[in-house]
């Protein structure tokens, strides 16, 4: 299955301003997704980050915390305080 390739070889994967990808997060597993601003590139959402996170992730606080920090901490072995 394509999803097995994603989980085994392509993670972690960041997303930037991708509402449809976020809505389909269960297809690849939210534990493999990292939210990104892609600063300083022209298509980044810097300065609007907090508002866009709230819009994208309204109603899924636990997944939002994982995608915004927890997944990266787990994957890269960083302790969150």
Protein backbone atom coordinates (compact mmCIF):
# COMPACT_ATOMS: atom_id res chain seq x y z
CA UNK A 1 0.00 0.00 0.00
CA UNK A 2 1.24 3.54 -0.69
CA UNK A 3 0.59 4.41 2.95
CA UNK A 4 3.23 1.88 4.04
CA UNK A 5 5.85 3.63 1.87
CA UNK A 6 4.89 6.92 3.46
CA UNK A 7 5.25 5.56 6.99
CA UNK A 8 8.45 3.62 6.33
CA UNK A 9 10.41 5.92 4.04
CA UNK A 10 9.01 9.42 3.81
CA UNK A 11 8.45 10.61 7.30
CA UNK A 12 8.50 13.13 8.81
CA UNK A 13 6.80 15.35 6.27
CA UNK A 14 6.09 19.01 6.87
CA UNK A 15 3.04 20.80 5.53
CA UNK A 16 2.58 24.48 4.82
CA UNK A 17 -0.85 26.04 4.32
CA UNK A 18 -2.45 22.77 3.18
CA UNK A 19 -6.07 22.58 4.35
CA UNK A 20 -6.99 19.57 2.18
CA UNK A 21 -3.87 17.68 3.25
CA UNK A 22 -4.66 18.39 6.87
CA UNK A 23 -8.25 17.19 6.46
CA UNK A 24 -6.88 13.90 5.07
CA UNK A 25 -4.24 13.44 7.78
CA UNK A 26 -5.72 10.13 8.91
CA UNK A 27 -4.74 8.53 5.59
CA UNK A 28 -1.03 8.87 6.37
CA UNK A 29 -1.16 9.16 10.14
CA UNK A 30 -0.95 12.45 12.03
CA UNK A 31 2.08 11.10 13.89
CA UNK A 32 4.11 11.52 10.66
CA UNK A 33 3.19 15.16 9.99
CA UNK A 34 5.07 18.29 11.02
CA UNK A 35 3.59 21.77 10.68
CA UNK A 36 5.96 24.32 9.11
CA UNK A 37 6.01 28.03 8.33
CA UNK A 38 8.87 27.70 5.80
CA UNK A 39 10.22 31.08 6.86
CA UNK A 40 11.78 33.08 5.09
CA UNK A 41 10.37 31.84 1.78
CA UNK A 42 7.73 33.93 0.02
CA UNK A 43 4.91 31.39 0.54
CA UNK A 44 5.35 31.13 4.30
CA UNK A 45 2.71 32.10 6.80
CA UNK A 46 5.00 33.89 9.23
CA UNK A 47 3.26 36.68 11.11
CA UNK A 48 -0.05 34.84 10.61
CA UNK A 49 1.14 31.51 12.04
CA UNK A 50 -0.92 31.44 15.22
CA UNK A 51 -4.13 32.42 13.42
CA UNK A 52 -3.59 29.85 10.64
CA UNK A 53 -2.77 27.07 13.10
CA UNK A 54 -6.01 27.85 14.92
CA UNK A 55 -7.97 27.78 11.63
CA UNK A 56 -6.34 24.60 10.30
CA UNK A 57 -6.42 22.67 13.55
CA UNK A 58 -9.62 23.85 15.21
CA UNK A 59 -11.10 20.99 17.23
CA UNK A 60 -8.06 18.69 17.21
CA UNK A 61 -5.91 20.08 20.03
CA UNK A 62 -4.02 16.86 20.75
CA UNK A 63 -3.12 16.32 17.09
CA UNK A 64 -2.25 20.01 16.76
CA UNK A 65 0.19 19.80 19.68
CA UNK A 66 1.80 16.74 18.10
CA UNK A 67 2.08 18.24 14.61
CA UNK A 68 3.36 21.61 15.87
CA UNK A 69 5.95 20.28 18.33
CA UNK A 70 5.46 16.77 19.72
CA UNK A 71 6.17 14.80 16.53
CA UNK A 72 9.40 16.71 15.89
CA UNK A 73 10.48 16.25 19.49
CA UNK A 74 9.82 12.51 19.31
CA UNK A 75 11.43 11.99 15.90
CA UNK A 76 14.55 14.05 16.67
CA UNK A 77 14.88 13.10 20.35
CA UNK A 78 14.25 16.59 21.73
CA UNK A 79 12.82 16.96 25.22
CA UNK A 80 9.87 19.32 25.54
CA UNK A 81 9.49 21.15 28.82
